[in-house]
Amino acid sequence: MDDAMVLRIIEILKEQPDISQEALGENLGVTRRIVQKYINALKEAGRIERVGGKRYGHWEINE
């Protein structure tokens, strides 16, 4: 995993915890599928978690 991409994703999630994966991809200049792979890896590592549902939930950063 690209550490710079991980840091950028976490930074964006801190600023906009309710951002969608599609919007996150547009913000980073990558596809939603790439964002999804990073998000899944971050969730498995316990660095982030989704609170609430897909539509009205938000991301929380565990540091």
N, C-alpha and C. Protein backbone atom coordinates (compact mmCIF):
# COMPACT_ATOMS: atom_id res chain seq x y z
N MET A 1 0.84 -1.19 0.00
CA MET A 1 0.00 0.00 0.00
C MET A 1 0.88 1.25 0.00
N ASP A 2 0.43 2.22 -0.71
CA ASP A 2 1.14 3.50 -0.81
C ASP A 2 0.86 4.33 0.44
N ASP A 3 1.90 4.55 1.25
CA ASP A 3 1.72 5.28 2.50
C ASP A 3 1.20 6.69 2.27
N ALA A 4 1.64 7.34 1.21
CA ALA A 4 1.18 8.69 0.91
C ALA A 4 -0.32 8.70 0.64
N MET A 5 -0.81 7.69 -0.08
CA MET A 5 -2.24 7.58 -0.38
C MET A 5 -3.02 7.33 0.91
N VAL A 6 -2.50 6.47 1.77
CA VAL A 6 -3.16 6.18 3.06
C VAL A 6 -3.29 7.45 3.87
N LEU A 7 -2.21 8.22 3.96
CA LEU A 7 -2.24 9.46 4.73
C LEU A 7 -3.22 10.46 4.15
N ARG A 8 -3.29 10.54 2.82
CA ARG A 8 -4.23 11.46 2.17
C ARG A 8 -5.67 11.04 2.44
N ILE A 9 -5.93 9.74 2.37
CA ILE A 9 -7.29 9.24 2.64
C ILE A 9 -7.69 9.57 4.08
N ILE A 10 -6.80 9.30 5.03
CA ILE A 10 -7.11 9.57 6.44
C ILE A 10 -7.32 11.06 6.66
N GLU A 11 -6.50 11.88 6.03
CA GLU A 11 -6.63 13.34 6.15
C GLU A 11 -8.00 13.81 5.64
N ILE A 12 -8.40 13.30 4.49
CA ILE A 12 -9.69 13.68 3.92
C ILE A 12 -10.83 13.19 4.79
N LEU A 13 -10.73 11.97 5.32
CA LEU A 13 -11.78 11.43 6.18
C LEU A 13 -11.91 12.22 7.47
N LYS A 14 -10.80 12.77 7.96
CA LYS A 14 -10.86 13.63 9.16
C LYS A 14 -11.64 14.90 8.86
N GLU A 15 -11.41 15.48 7.69
CA GLU A 15 -12.06 16.73 7.30
C GLU A 15 -13.51 16.52 6.89
N GLN A 16 -13.78 15.40 6.22
CA GLN A 16 -15.13 15.12 5.71
C GLN A 16 -15.51 13.68 6.06
N PRO A 17 -15.89 13.41 7.30
CA PRO A 17 -16.15 12.03 7.72
C PRO A 17 -17.33 11.36 7.02
N ASP A 18 -18.17 12.14 6.37
CA ASP A 18 -19.34 11.55 5.71
C ASP A 18 -19.16 11.46 4.18
N ILE A 19 -17.93 11.60 3.70
CA ILE A 19 -17.67 11.57 2.26
C ILE A 19 -17.90 10.16 1.70
N SER A 20 -18.38 10.09 0.47
CA SER A 20 -18.59 8.79 -0.18
C SER A 20 -17.27 8.32 -0.80
N GLN A 21 -17.20 7.02 -1.08
CA GLN A 21 -16.00 6.49 -1.71
C GLN A 21 -15.82 7.08 -3.10
N GLU A 22 -16.91 7.31 -3.80
CA GLU A 22 -16.83 7.90 -5.14
C GLU A 22 -16.26 9.31 -5.07
N ALA A 23 -16.77 10.13 -4.13
CA ALA A 23 -16.27 11.50 -3.98
C ALA A 23 -14.81 11.49 -3.51
N LEU A 24 -14.47 10.54 -2.67
CA LEU A 24 -13.10 10.42 -2.20
C LEU A 24 -12.17 10.11 -3.37
N GLY A 25 -12.61 9.22 -4.26
CA GLY A 25 -11.83 8.89 -5.45
C GLY A 25 -11.64 10.09 -6.36
N GLU A 26 -12.70 10.87 -6.55
CA GLU A 26 -12.60 12.07 -7.38
C GLU A 26 -11.61 13.05 -6.76
N ASN A 27 -11.67 13.17 -5.44
CA ASN A 27 -10.77 14.07 -4.71
C ASN A 27 -9.31 13.65 -4.87
N LEU A 28 -9.07 12.33 -4.90
CA LEU A 28 -7.71 11.81 -4.99
C LEU A 28 -7.25 11.56 -6.42
N GLY A 29 -8.18 11.60 -7.37
CA GLY A 29 -7.84 11.35 -8.76
C GLY A 29 -7.66 9.88 -9.08
N VAL A 30 -8.38 9.02 -8.35
CA VAL A 30 -8.32 7.57 -8.59
C VAL A 30 -9.75 7.04 -8.68
N THR A 31 -9.88 5.77 -9.08
CA THR A 31 -11.21 5.18 -9.22
C THR A 31 -11.77 4.80 -7.86
N ARG A 32 -13.08 4.60 -7.81
CA ARG A 32 -13.74 4.19 -6.57
C ARG A 32 -13.22 2.83 -6.13
N ARG A 33 -12.90 1.97 -7.09
CA ARG A 33 -12.40 0.63 -6.76
C ARG A 33 -11.06 0.70 -6.02
N ILE A 34 -10.19 1.60 -6.42
CA ILE A 34 -8.92 1.77 -5.71
C ILE A 34 -9.16 2.28 -4.31
N VAL A 35 -10.06 3.25 -4.17
CA VAL A 35 -10.41 3.77 -2.85
C VAL A 35 -10.96 2.64 -1.98
N GLN A 36 -11.81 1.81 -2.56
CA GLN A 36 -12.42 0.70 -1.84
C GLN A 36 -11.33 -0.26 -1.30
N LYS A 37 -10.31 -0.54 -2.09
CA LYS A 37 -9.23 -1.42 -1.65
C LYS A 37 -8.49 -0.81 -0.45
N TYR A 38 -8.21 0.49 -0.51
CA TYR A 38 -7.53 1.16 0.61
C TYR A 38 -8.42 1.20 1.84
N ILE A 39 -9.70 1.51 1.67
CA ILE A 39 -10.64 1.57 2.78
C ILE A 39 -10.73 0.20 3.46
N ASN A 40 -10.84 -0.86 2.67
CA ASN A 40 -10.91 -2.21 3.24
C ASN A 40 -9.65 -2.55 4.02
N ALA A 41 -8.49 -2.19 3.49
CA ALA A 41 -7.23 -2.45 4.18
C ALA A 41 -7.14 -1.66 5.48
N LEU A 42 -7.59 -0.40 5.45
CA LEU A 42 -7.57 0.43 6.66
C LEU A 42 -8.54 -0.10 7.71
N LYS A 43 -9.70 -0.59 7.27
CA LYS A 43 -10.66 -1.19 8.21
C LYS A 43 -10.08 -2.45 8.84
N GLU A 44 -9.47 -3.31 8.04
CA GLU A 44 -8.88 -4.55 8.55
C GLU A 44 -7.75 -4.27 9.54
N ALA A 45 -7.01 -3.19 9.30
CA ALA A 45 -5.91 -2.81 10.19
C ALA A 45 -6.42 -2.10 11.45
N GLY A 46 -7.72 -1.78 11.48
CA GLY A 46 -8.30 -1.11 12.64
C GLY A 46 -8.03 0.37 12.70
N ARG A 47 -7.59 0.96 11.59
CA ARG A 47 -7.28 2.40 11.59
C ARG A 47 -8.50 3.27 11.39
N ILE A 48 -9.53 2.72 10.71
CA ILE A 48 -10.78 3.45 10.52
C ILE A 48 -11.94 2.50 10.74
N GLU A 49 -13.11 3.08 11.03
CA GLU A 49 -14.32 2.27 11.10
C GLU A 49 -15.52 3.10 10.68
N ARG A 50 -16.50 2.42 10.15
CA ARG A 50 -17.73 3.06 9.69
C ARG A 50 -18.73 3.02 10.83
N VAL A 51 -19.28 4.17 11.16
CA VAL A 51 -20.30 4.28 12.20
C VAL A 51 -21.60 4.66 11.53
N GLY A 52 -22.63 3.85 11.72
CA GLY A 52 -23.91 4.11 11.06
C GLY A 52 -23.97 3.40 9.72
N GLY A 53 -25.03 3.66 9.00
CA GLY A 53 -25.26 2.99 7.73
C GLY A 53 -24.47 3.58 6.58
N LYS A 54 -24.64 2.98 5.42
CA LYS A 54 -23.92 3.44 4.24
C LYS A 54 -24.34 4.85 3.83
N ARG A 55 -25.62 5.12 3.95
CA ARG A 55 -26.11 6.40 3.45
C ARG A 55 -25.92 7.55 4.45
N TYR A 56 -26.19 7.29 5.72
CA TYR A 56 -26.15 8.38 6.71
C TYR A 56 -25.04 8.22 7.73
N GLY A 57 -24.16 7.24 7.52
CA GLY A 57 -23.08 7.01 8.47
C GLY A 57 -21.90 7.93 8.21
N HIS A 58 -20.85 7.72 9.00
CA HIS A 58 -19.61 8.50 8.84
C HIS A 58 -18.43 7.64 9.24
N TRP A 59 -17.23 8.09 8.87
CA TRP A 59 -16.00 7.39 9.18
C TRP A 59 -15.39 7.96 10.45
N GLU A 60 -14.86 7.06 11.28
CA GLU A 60 -14.12 7.47 12.47
C GLU A 60 -12.70 6.95 12.34
N ILE A 61 -11.74 7.80 12.69
CA ILE A 61 -10.33 7.46 12.61
C ILE A 61 -9.88 6.95 13.98
N ASN A 62 -9.24 5.80 14.03
CA ASN A 62 -8.69 5.24 15.27
C ASN A 62 -7.19 5.41 15.24
N GLU A 63 -6.69 6.31 16.08
CA GLU A 63 -5.23 6.54 16.07
C GLU A 63 -4.61 6.16 17.37
